[in-house]
Amino acid sequence: IYYCAASRLLFRLCVQKNPFTGDYYPMDYWGKGTLVT
């Protein structure tokens, strides 16, 4: 399932993980997703 998301973060943090937590930096808005098979 592919999701798009919008972010106000610096580009260098987009689709990147926080090295201290292991979590992706948060995005502001998310779509519901579309399935690719």
PDB file of all heavy atoms in Angstrom:
ATOM      1  N   ILE A   1       0.865  -1.164   0.000  1.00  0.00           N
ATOM      2  CA  ILE A   1       0.000   0.000   0.000  1.00  0.00           C
ATOM      3  C   ILE A   1       0.907   1.221   0.000  1.00  0.00           C
ATOM      4  O   ILE A   1       1.796   1.334   0.846  1.00  0.00           O
ATOM      5  CB  ILE A   1      -0.931   0.031   1.224  1.00  0.00           C
ATOM      6  CG1 ILE A   1      -1.835  -1.194   1.237  1.00  0.00           C
ATOM      7  CG2 ILE A   1      -1.771   1.300   1.224  1.00  0.00           C
ATOM      8  CD1 ILE A   1      -2.694  -1.305   2.479  1.00  0.00           C
ATOM      9  N   TYR A   2       0.693   2.103  -0.943  1.00  0.00           N
ATOM     10  CA  TYR A   2       1.510   3.298  -1.081  1.00  0.00           C
ATOM     11  C   TYR A   2       0.756   4.509  -0.542  1.00  0.00           C
ATOM     12  O   TYR A   2      -0.407   4.738  -0.888  1.00  0.00           O
ATOM     13  CB  TYR A   2       1.891   3.529  -2.543  1.00  0.00           C
ATOM     14  CG  TYR A   2       2.980   2.607  -3.025  1.00  0.00           C
ATOM     15  CD1 TYR A   2       2.728   1.254  -3.237  1.00  0.00           C
ATOM     16  CD2 TYR A   2       4.274   3.081  -3.255  1.00  0.00           C
ATOM     17  CE1 TYR A   2       3.728   0.395  -3.662  1.00  0.00           C
ATOM     18  CE2 TYR A   2       5.276   2.231  -3.685  1.00  0.00           C
ATOM     19  CZ  TYR A   2       5.001   0.887  -3.880  1.00  0.00           C
ATOM     20  OH  TYR A   2       5.996   0.042  -4.300  1.00  0.00           O
ATOM     21  N   TYR A   3       1.430   5.275   0.298  1.00  0.00           N
ATOM     22  CA  TYR A   3       0.857   6.461   0.921  1.00  0.00           C
ATOM     23  C   TYR A   3       1.660   7.696   0.538  1.00  0.00           C
ATOM     24  O   TYR A   3       2.885   7.641   0.462  1.00  0.00           O
ATOM     25  CB  TYR A   3       0.891   6.355   2.450  1.00  0.00           C
ATOM     26  CG  TYR A   3       0.194   5.158   3.037  1.00  0.00           C
ATOM     27  CD1 TYR A   3       0.869   3.961   3.231  1.00  0.00           C
ATOM     28  CD2 TYR A   3      -1.137   5.243   3.430  1.00  0.00           C
ATOM     29  CE1 TYR A   3       0.233   2.861   3.793  1.00  0.00           C
ATOM     30  CE2 TYR A   3      -1.785   4.153   3.995  1.00  0.00           C
ATOM     31  CZ  TYR A   3      -1.088   2.961   4.174  1.00  0.00           C
ATOM     32  OH  TYR A   3      -1.723   1.885   4.736  1.00  0.00           O
ATOM     33  N   CYS A   4       0.980   8.807   0.333  1.00  0.00           N
ATOM     34  CA  CYS A   4       1.679  10.071   0.212  1.00  0.00           C
ATOM     35  C   CYS A   4       1.429  10.895   1.463  1.00  0.00           C
ATOM     36  O   CYS A   4       0.432  10.717   2.164  1.00  0.00           O
ATOM     37  CB  CYS A   4       1.268  10.848  -1.046  1.00  0.00           C
ATOM     38  SG  CYS A   4      -0.419  11.482  -1.072  1.00  0.00           S
ATOM     39  N   ALA A   5       2.359  11.782   1.764  1.00  0.00           N
ATOM     40  CA  ALA A   5       2.270  12.593   2.968  1.00  0.00           C
ATOM     41  C   ALA A   5       2.950  13.936   2.735  1.00  0.00           C
ATOM     42  O   ALA A   5       3.952  14.013   2.019  1.00  0.00           O
ATOM     43  CB  ALA A   5       2.916  11.877   4.153  1.00  0.00           C
ATOM     44  N   ALA A   6       2.411  14.981   3.352  1.00  0.00           N
ATOM     45  CA  ALA A   6       2.936  16.335   3.221  1.00  0.00           C
ATOM     46  C   ALA A   6       3.679  16.737   4.482  1.00  0.00           C
ATOM     47  O   ALA A   6       3.248  16.435   5.597  1.00  0.00           O
ATOM     48  CB  ALA A   6       1.804  17.318   2.945  1.00  0.00           C
ATOM     49  N   SER A   7       4.789  17.443   4.304  1.00  0.00           N
ATOM     50  CA  SER A   7       5.639  17.812   5.429  1.00  0.00           C
ATOM     51  C   SER A   7       6.103  19.255   5.335  1.00  0.00           C
ATOM     52  O   SER A   7       6.486  19.723   4.259  1.00  0.00           O
ATOM     53  CB  SER A   7       6.855  16.888   5.493  1.00  0.00           C
ATOM     54  OG  SER A   7       7.770  17.313   6.482  1.00  0.00           O
ATOM     55  N   ARG A   8       6.100  19.925   6.480  1.00  0.00           N
ATOM     56  CA  ARG A   8       6.655  21.270   6.574  1.00  0.00           C
ATOM     57  C   ARG A   8       8.083  21.253   7.112  1.00  0.00           C
ATOM     58  O   ARG A   8       8.688  22.292   7.317  1.00  0.00           O
ATOM     59  CB  ARG A   8       5.778  22.148   7.469  1.00  0.00           C
ATOM     60  CG  ARG A   8       4.410  22.452   6.882  1.00  0.00           C
ATOM     61  CD  ARG A   8       3.542  23.201   7.872  1.00  0.00           C
ATOM     62  NE  ARG A   8       3.221  22.366   9.025  1.00  0.00           N
ATOM     63  CZ  ARG A   8       2.526  22.774  10.085  1.00  0.00           C
ATOM     64  NH1 ARG A   8       2.087  24.019  10.134  1.00  0.00           N
ATOM     65  NH2 ARG A   8       2.273  21.949  11.083  1.00  0.00           N
ATOM     66  N   LEU A   9       8.611  20.070   7.343  1.00  0.00           N
ATOM     67  CA  LEU A   9       9.975  19.915   7.823  1.00  0.00           C
ATOM     68  C   LEU A   9      10.982  20.293   6.747  1.00  0.00           C
ATOM     69  O   LEU A   9      10.659  20.371   5.565  1.00  0.00           O
ATOM     70  CB  LEU A   9      10.231  18.473   8.267  1.00  0.00           C
ATOM     71  CG  LEU A   9       9.472  17.958   9.484  1.00  0.00           C
ATOM     72  CD1 LEU A   9       9.641  16.454   9.597  1.00  0.00           C
ATOM     73  CD2 LEU A   9       9.968  18.654  10.740  1.00  0.00           C
ATOM     74  N   LEU A  10      12.212  20.520   7.184  1.00  0.00           N
ATOM     75  CA  LEU A  10      13.289  20.714   6.234  1.00  0.00           C
ATOM     76  C   LEU A  10      13.359  19.506   5.313  1.00  0.00           C
ATOM     77  O   LEU A  10      13.158  18.373   5.741  1.00  0.00           O
ATOM     78  CB  LEU A  10      14.621  20.889   6.966  1.00  0.00           C
ATOM     79  CG  LEU A  10      14.765  22.131   7.848  1.00  0.00           C
ATOM     80  CD1 LEU A  10      16.058  22.054   8.634  1.00  0.00           C
ATOM     81  CD2 LEU A  10      14.732  23.399   6.996  1.00  0.00           C
ATOM     82  N   PHE A  11      13.675  19.740   4.050  1.00  0.00           N
ATOM     83  CA  PHE A  11      13.716  18.654   3.086  1.00  0.00           C
ATOM     84  C   PHE A  11      14.657  17.539   3.528  1.00  0.00           C
ATOM     85  O   PHE A  11      14.377  16.362   3.310  1.00  0.00           O
ATOM     86  CB  PHE A  11      14.127  19.173   1.705  1.00  0.00           C
ATOM     87  CG  PHE A  11      14.359  18.074   0.714  1.00  0.00           C
ATOM     88  CD1 PHE A  11      13.291  17.387   0.166  1.00  0.00           C
ATOM     89  CD2 PHE A  11      15.650  17.712   0.347  1.00  0.00           C
ATOM     90  CE1 PHE A  11      13.496  16.355  -0.732  1.00  0.00           C
ATOM     91  CE2 PHE A  11      15.865  16.684  -0.554  1.00  0.00           C
ATOM     92  CZ  PHE A  11      14.785  16.002  -1.098  1.00  0.00           C
ATOM     93  N   ARG A  12      15.757  17.896   4.160  1.00  0.00           N
ATOM     94  CA  ARG A  12      16.736  16.875   4.550  1.00  0.00           C
ATOM     95  C   ARG A  12      16.172  15.886   5.567  1.00  0.00           C
ATOM     96  O   ARG A  12      16.748  14.820   5.774  1.00  0.00           O
ATOM     97  CB  ARG A  12      17.998  17.525   5.106  1.00  0.00           C
ATOM     98  CG  ARG A  12      17.822  18.256   6.425  1.00  0.00           C
ATOM     99  CD  ARG A  12      19.152  18.855   6.887  1.00  0.00           C
ATOM    100  NE  ARG A  12      19.013  19.553   8.157  1.00  0.00           N
ATOM    101  CZ  ARG A  12      19.112  18.967   9.344  1.00  0.00           C
ATOM    102  NH1 ARG A  12      19.353  17.678   9.427  1.00  0.00           N
ATOM    103  NH2 ARG A  12      18.971  19.682  10.449  1.00  0.00           N
ATOM    104  N   LEU A  13      15.032  16.225   6.198  1.00  0.00           N
ATOM    105  CA  LEU A  13      14.393  15.336   7.161  1.00  0.00           C
ATOM    106  C   LEU A  13      13.243  14.537   6.556  1.00  0.00           C
ATOM    107  O   LEU A  13      12.646  13.711   7.250  1.00  0.00           O
ATOM    108  CB  LEU A  13      13.869  16.143   8.351  1.00  0.00           C
ATOM    109  CG  LEU A  13      14.895  17.000   9.096  1.00  0.00           C
ATOM    110  CD1 LEU A  13      14.222  17.740  10.244  1.00  0.00           C
ATOM    111  CD2 LEU A  13      16.044  16.163   9.599  1.00  0.00           C
ATOM    112  N   CYS A  14      12.908  14.788   5.302  1.00  0.00           N
ATOM    113  CA  CYS A  14      11.764  14.162   4.666  1.00  0.00           C
ATOM    114  C   CYS A  14      12.056  12.698   4.310  1.00  0.00           C
ATOM    115  O   CYS A  14      13.054  12.407   3.640  1.00  0.00           O
ATOM    116  CB  CYS A  14      11.384  14.940   3.414  1.00  0.00           C
ATOM    117  SG  CYS A  14       9.857  14.397   2.624  1.00  0.00           S
ATOM    118  N   VAL A  15      11.180  11.814   4.754  1.00  0.00           N
ATOM    119  CA  VAL A  15      11.324  10.364   4.557  1.00  0.00           C
ATOM    120  C   VAL A  15      12.665   9.895   5.127  1.00  0.00           C
ATOM    121  O   VAL A  15      13.344   9.039   4.560  1.00  0.00           O
ATOM    122  CB  VAL A  15      11.165   9.969   3.076  1.00  0.00           C
ATOM    123  CG1 VAL A  15      10.998   8.455   2.930  1.00  0.00           C
ATOM    124  CG2 VAL A  15       9.968  10.668   2.446  1.00  0.00           C
ATOM    125  N   GLN A  16      13.026  10.459   6.263  1.00  0.00           N
ATOM    126  CA  GLN A  16      14.247  10.081   6.964  1.00  0.00           C
ATOM    127  C   GLN A  16      13.899   9.691   8.393  1.00  0.00           C
ATOM    128  O   GLN A  16      12.904  10.162   8.955  1.00  0.00           O
ATOM    129  CB  GLN A  16      15.260  11.227   6.983  1.00  0.00           C
ATOM    130  CG  GLN A  16      15.640  11.751   5.616  1.00  0.00           C
ATOM    131  CD  GLN A  16      16.370  10.717   4.794  1.00  0.00           C
ATOM    132  OE1 GLN A  16      17.314  10.083   5.272  1.00  0.00           O
ATOM    133  NE2 GLN A  16      15.933  10.538   3.555  1.00  0.00           N
ATOM    134  N   LYS A  17      14.735   8.854   8.982  1.00  0.00           N
ATOM    135  CA  LYS A  17      14.540   8.448  10.365  1.00  0.00           C
ATOM    136  C   LYS A  17      15.359   9.299  11.318  1.00  0.00           C
ATOM    137  O   LYS A  17      16.492   9.673  11.020  1.00  0.00           O
ATOM    138  CB  LYS A  17      14.916   6.977  10.550  1.00  0.00           C
ATOM    139  CG  LYS A  17      13.945   6.002   9.911  1.00  0.00           C
ATOM    140  CD  LYS A  17      14.340   4.567  10.212  1.00  0.00           C
ATOM    141  CE  LYS A  17      13.316   3.590   9.666  1.00  0.00           C
ATOM    142  NZ  LYS A  17      13.699   2.184   9.951  1.00  0.00           N
ATOM    143  N   ASN A  18      14.761   9.597  12.454  1.00  0.00           N
ATOM    144  CA  ASN A  18      15.465  10.248  13.540  1.00  0.00           C
ATOM    145  C   ASN A  18      16.495   9.265  14.078  1.00  0.00           C
ATOM    146  O   ASN A  18      16.126   8.199  14.572  1.00  0.00           O
ATOM    147  CB  ASN A  18      14.474  10.657  14.625  1.00  0.00           C
ATOM    148  CG  ASN A  18      15.110  11.435  15.751  1.00  0.00           C
ATOM    149  OD1 ASN A  18      16.264  11.223  16.115  1.00  0.00           O
ATOM    150  ND2 ASN A  18      14.345  12.353  16.330  1.00  0.00           N
ATOM    151  N   PRO A  19      17.780   9.586  14.012  1.00  0.00           N
ATOM    152  CA  PRO A  19      18.790   8.612  14.448  1.00  0.00           C
ATOM    153  C   PRO A  19      18.748   8.312  15.938  1.00  0.00           C
ATOM    154  O   PRO A  19      19.279   7.282  16.364  1.00  0.00           O
ATOM    155  CB  PRO A  19      20.113   9.286  14.056  1.00  0.00           C
ATOM    156  CG  PRO A  19      19.798  10.748  14.057  1.00  0.00           C
ATOM    157  CD  PRO A  19      18.389  10.838  13.546  1.00  0.00           C
ATOM    158  N   PHE A  20      18.110   9.168  16.718  1.00  0.00           N
ATOM    159  CA  PHE A  20      18.041   8.959  18.157  1.00  0.00           C
ATOM    160  C   PHE A  20      16.858   8.090  18.571  1.00  0.00           C
ATOM    161  O   PHE A  20      16.911   7.458  19.631  1.00  0.00           O
ATOM    162  CB  PHE A  20      17.979  10.299  18.896  1.00  0.00           C
ATOM    163  CG  PHE A  20      19.190  11.157  18.691  1.00  0.00           C
ATOM    164  CD1 PHE A  20      19.189  12.194  17.770  1.00  0.00           C
ATOM    165  CD2 PHE A  20      20.346  10.919  19.406  1.00  0.00           C
ATOM    166  CE1 PHE A  20      20.314  12.978  17.568  1.00  0.00           C
ATOM    167  CE2 PHE A  20      21.484  11.693  19.214  1.00  0.00           C
ATOM    168  CZ  PHE A  20      21.466  12.729  18.293  1.00  0.00           C
ATOM    169  N   THR A  21      15.792   8.067  17.774  1.00  0.00           N
ATOM    170  CA  THR A  21      14.602   7.299  18.113  1.00  0.00           C
ATOM    171  C   THR A  21      14.351   6.122  17.178  1.00  0.00           C
ATOM    172  O   THR A  21      13.642   5.177  17.549  1.00  0.00           O
ATOM    173  CB  THR A  21      13.349   8.182  18.105  1.00  0.00           C
ATOM    174  OG1 THR A  21      13.075   8.624  16.772  1.00  0.00           O
ATOM    175  CG2 THR A  21      13.548   9.408  18.996  1.00  0.00           C
ATOM    176  N   GLY A  22      14.878   6.175  15.974  1.00  0.00           N
ATOM    177  CA  GLY A  22      14.623   5.148  14.988  1.00  0.00           C
ATOM    178  C   GLY A  22      13.313   5.325  14.248  1.00  0.00           C
ATOM    179  O   GLY A  22      12.982   4.514  13.380  1.00  0.00           O
ATOM    180  N   ASP A  23      12.553   6.367  14.585  1.00  0.00           N
ATOM    181  CA  ASP A  23      11.273   6.641  13.936  1.00  0.00           C
ATOM    182  C   ASP A  23      11.458   7.650  12.814  1.00  0.00           C
ATOM    183  O   ASP A  23      12.330   8.514  12.876  1.00  0.00           O
ATOM    184  CB  ASP A  23      10.262   7.197  14.934  1.00  0.00           C
ATOM    185  CG  ASP A  23       9.984   6.258  16.083  1.00  0.00           C
ATOM    186  OD1 ASP A  23       9.851   5.048  15.826  1.00  0.00           O
ATOM    187  OD2 ASP A  23       9.890   6.730  17.233  1.00  0.00           O
ATOM    188  N   TYR A  24      10.594   7.564  11.798  1.00  0.00           N
ATOM    189  CA  TYR A  24      10.609   8.575  10.763  1.00  0.00           C
ATOM    190  C   TYR A  24      10.190   9.918  11.339  1.00  0.00           C
ATOM    191  O   TYR A  24       9.322   9.994  12.214  1.00  0.00           O
ATOM    192  CB  TYR A  24       9.655   8.206   9.627  1.00  0.00           C
ATOM    193  CG  TYR A  24      10.164   7.114   8.722  1.00  0.00           C
ATOM    194  CD1 TYR A  24       9.701   5.807   8.846  1.00  0.00           C
ATOM    195  CD2 TYR A  24      11.099   7.395   7.733  1.00  0.00           C
ATOM    196  CE1 TYR A  24      10.176   4.806   8.013  1.00  0.00           C
ATOM    197  CE2 TYR A  24      11.582   6.403   6.899  1.00  0.00           C
ATOM    198  CZ  TYR A  24      11.118   5.115   7.047  1.00  0.00           C
ATOM    199  OH  TYR A  24      11.583   4.117   6.213  1.00  0.00           O
ATOM    200  N   TYR A  25      10.821  10.974  10.867  1.00  0.00           N
ATOM    201  CA  TYR A  25      10.364  12.298  11.256  1.00  0.00           C
ATOM    202  C   TYR A  25       8.897  12.442  10.849  1.00  0.00           C
ATOM    203  O   TYR A  25       8.503  11.980   9.781  1.00  0.00           O
ATOM    204  CB  TYR A  25      11.212  13.377  10.597  1.00  0.00           C
ATOM    205  CG  TYR A  25      12.601  13.490  11.168  1.00  0.00           C
ATOM    206  CD1 TYR A  25      13.697  12.963  10.495  1.00  0.00           C
ATOM    207  CD2 TYR A  25      12.824  14.120  12.396  1.00  0.00           C
ATOM    208  CE1 TYR A  25      14.977  13.058  11.024  1.00  0.00           C
ATOM    209  CE2 TYR A  25      14.095  14.218  12.926  1.00  0.00           C
ATOM    210  CZ  TYR A  25      15.174  13.685  12.238  1.00  0.00           C
ATOM    211  OH  TYR A  25      16.443  13.782  12.762  1.00  0.00           O
ATOM    212  N   PRO A  26       8.067  13.075  11.690  1.00  0.00           N
ATOM    213  CA  PRO A  26       6.624  13.103  11.425  1.00  0.00           C
ATOM    214  C   PRO A  26       6.242  13.960  10.224  1.00  0.00           C
ATOM    215  O   PRO A  26       6.860  14.980   9.950  1.00  0.00           O
ATOM    216  CB  PRO A  26       6.042  13.683  12.718  1.00  0.00           C
ATOM    217  CG  PRO A  26       7.160  14.502  13.299  1.00  0.00           C
ATOM    218  CD  PRO A  26       8.405  13.732  12.969  1.00  0.00           C
ATOM    219  N   MET A  27       5.219  13.509   9.510  1.00  0.00           N
ATOM    220  CA  MET A  27       4.623  14.265   8.432  1.00  0.00           C
ATOM    221  C   MET A  27       3.355  14.943   8.961  1.00  0.00           C
ATOM    222  O   MET A  27       2.806  14.538   9.983  1.00  0.00           O
ATOM    223  CB  MET A  27       4.285  13.360   7.254  1.00  0.00           C
ATOM    224  CG  MET A  27       5.427  12.449   6.798  1.00  0.00           C
ATOM    225  SD  MET A  27       6.851  13.346   6.127  1.00  0.00           S
ATOM    226  CE  MET A  27       6.255  13.711   4.474  1.00  0.00           C
ATOM    227  N   ASP A  28       2.882  15.977   8.270  1.00  0.00           N
ATOM    228  CA  ASP A  28       1.738  16.753   8.738  1.00  0.00           C
ATOM    229  C   ASP A  28       0.394  16.209   8.269  1.00  0.00           C
ATOM    230  O   ASP A  28      -0.586  16.240   9.011  1.00  0.00           O
ATOM    231  CB  ASP A  28       1.885  18.210   8.300  1.00  0.00           C
ATOM    232  CG  ASP A  28       3.107  18.880   8.894  1.00  0.00           C
ATOM    233  OD1 ASP A  28       3.226  18.900  10.132  1.00  0.00           O
ATOM    234  OD2 ASP A  28       3.953  19.368   8.116  1.00  0.00           O
ATOM    235  N   TYR A  29       0.338  15.720   7.041  1.00  0.00           N
ATOM    236  CA  TYR A  29      -0.896  15.191   6.473  1.00  0.00           C
ATOM    237  C   TYR A  29      -0.611  13.897   5.740  1.00  0.00           C
ATOM    238  O   TYR A  29       0.420  13.771   5.069  1.00  0.00           O
ATOM    239  CB  TYR A  29      -1.540  16.192   5.500  1.00  0.00           C
ATOM    240  CG  TYR A  29      -1.801  17.554   6.091  1.00  0.00           C
ATOM    241  CD1 TYR A  29      -0.987  18.635   5.782  1.00  0.00           C
ATOM    242  CD2 TYR A  29      -2.864  17.756   6.967  1.00  0.00           C
ATOM    243  CE1 TYR A  29      -1.227  19.886   6.327  1.00  0.00           C
ATOM    244  CE2 TYR A  29      -3.103  19.000   7.515  1.00  0.00           C
ATOM    245  CZ  TYR A  29      -2.285  20.061   7.198  1.00  0.00           C
ATOM    246  OH  TYR A  29      -2.523  21.303   7.741  1.00  0.00           O
ATOM    247  N   TRP A  30      -1.540  12.946   5.851  1.00  0.00           N
ATOM    248  CA  TRP A  30      -1.404  11.635   5.221  1.00  0.00           C
ATOM    249  C   TRP A  30      -2.614  11.301   4.369  1.00  0.00           C
ATOM    250  O   TRP A  30      -3.743  11.633   4.724  1.00  0.00           O
ATOM    251  CB  TRP A  30      -1.251  10.542   6.276  1.00  0.00           C
ATOM    252  CG  TRP A  30       0.078  10.510   6.952  1.00  0.00           C
ATOM    253  CD1 TRP A  30       0.467  11.246   8.025  1.00  0.00           C
ATOM    254  CD2 TRP A  30       1.190   9.680   6.605  1.00  0.00           C
ATOM    255  NE1 TRP A  30       1.763  10.919   8.375  1.00  0.00           N
ATOM    256  CE2 TRP A  30       2.227   9.963   7.522  1.00  0.00           C
ATOM    257  CE3 TRP A  30       1.405   8.713   5.614  1.00  0.00           C
ATOM    258  CZ2 TRP A  30       3.463   9.325   7.478  1.00  0.00           C
ATOM    259  CZ3 TRP A  30       2.636   8.080   5.563  1.00  0.00           C
ATOM    260  CH2 TRP A  30       3.646   8.385   6.491  1.00  0.00           C
ATOM    261  N   GLY A  31      -2.381  10.609   3.267  1.00  0.00           N
ATOM    262  CA  GLY A  31      -3.461  10.052   2.486  1.00  0.00           C
ATOM    263  C   GLY A  31      -3.854   8.691   3.025  1.00  0.00           C
ATOM    264  O   GLY A  31      -3.222   8.155   3.936  1.00  0.00           O
ATOM    265  N   LYS A  32      -4.904   8.110   2.462  1.00  0.00           N
ATOM    266  CA  LYS A  32      -5.407   6.810   2.903  1.00  0.00           C
ATOM    267  C   LYS A  32      -4.688   5.642   2.244  1.00  0.00           C
ATOM    268  O   LYS A  32      -4.789   4.517   2.712  1.00  0.00           O
ATOM    269  CB  LYS A  32      -6.904   6.695   2.620  1.00  0.00           C
ATOM    270  CG  LYS A  32      -7.758   7.698   3.382  1.00  0.00           C
ATOM    271  CD  LYS A  32      -7.705   7.462   4.878  1.00  0.00           C
ATOM    272  CE  LYS A  32      -8.636   8.410   5.612  1.00  0.00           C
ATOM    273  NZ  LYS A  32      -8.580   8.205   7.087  1.00  0.00           N
ATOM    274  N   GLY A  33      -3.973   5.889   1.167  1.00  0.00           N
ATOM    275  CA  GLY A  33      -3.193   4.858   0.510  1.00  0.00           C
ATOM    276  C   GLY A  33      -3.863   4.279  -0.719  1.00  0.00           C
ATOM    277  O   GLY A  33      -5.080   4.329  -0.875  1.00  0.00           O
ATOM    278  N   THR A  34      -3.046   3.716  -1.600  1.00  0.00           N
ATOM    279  CA  THR A  34      -3.521   3.002  -2.774  1.00  0.00           C
ATOM    280  C   THR A  34      -2.689   1.734  -2.929  1.00  0.00           C
ATOM    281  O   THR A  34      -1.475   1.745  -2.737  1.00  0.00           O
ATOM    282  CB  THR A  34      -3.438   3.889  -4.042  1.00  0.00           C
ATOM    283  OG1 THR A  34      -4.028   3.207  -5.148  1.00  0.00           O
ATOM    284  CG2 THR A  34      -1.995   4.256  -4.383  1.00  0.00           C
ATOM    285  N   LEU A  35      -3.346   0.630  -3.253  1.00  0.00           N
ATOM    286  CA  LEU A  35      -2.678  -0.669  -3.301  1.00  0.00           C
ATOM    287  C   LEU A  35      -2.048  -0.917  -4.659  1.00  0.00           C
ATOM    288  O   LEU A  35      -2.693  -0.777  -5.702  1.00  0.00           O
ATOM    289  CB  LEU A  35      -3.679  -1.778  -2.983  1.00  0.00           C
ATOM    290  CG  LEU A  35      -3.153  -3.214  -3.056  1.00  0.00           C
ATOM    291  CD1 LEU A  35      -2.058  -3.435  -2.014  1.00  0.00           C
ATOM    292  CD2 LEU A  35      -4.289  -4.208  -2.849  1.00  0.00           C
ATOM    293  N   VAL A  36      -0.780  -1.310  -4.631  1.00  0.00           N
ATOM    294  CA  VAL A  36      -0.053  -1.720  -5.824  1.00  0.00           C
ATOM    295  C   VAL A  36       0.308  -3.187  -5.671  1.00  0.00           C
ATOM    296  O   VAL A  36       0.943  -3.572  -4.686  1.00  0.00           O
ATOM    297  CB  VAL A  36       1.224  -0.881  -6.024  1.00  0.00           C
ATOM    298  CG1 VAL A  36       2.077  -1.444  -7.159  1.00  0.00           C
ATOM    299  CG2 VAL A  36       0.863   0.571  -6.297  1.00  0.00           C
ATOM    300  N   THR A  37      -0.096  -3.999  -6.627  1.00  0.00           N
ATOM    301  CA  THR A  37       0.217  -5.422  -6.615  1.00  0.00           C
ATOM    302  C   THR A  37       1.001  -5.769  -7.862  1.00  0.00           C
ATOM    303  O   THR A  37       0.522  -5.554  -8.981  1.00  0.00           O
ATOM    304  CB  THR A  37      -1.061  -6.271  -6.553  1.00  0.00           C
ATOM    305  OG1 THR A  37      -1.815  -5.926  -5.387  1.00  0.00           O
ATOM    306  CG2 THR A  37      -0.712  -7.749  -6.497  1.00  0.00           C
TER     307      THR A  37
END
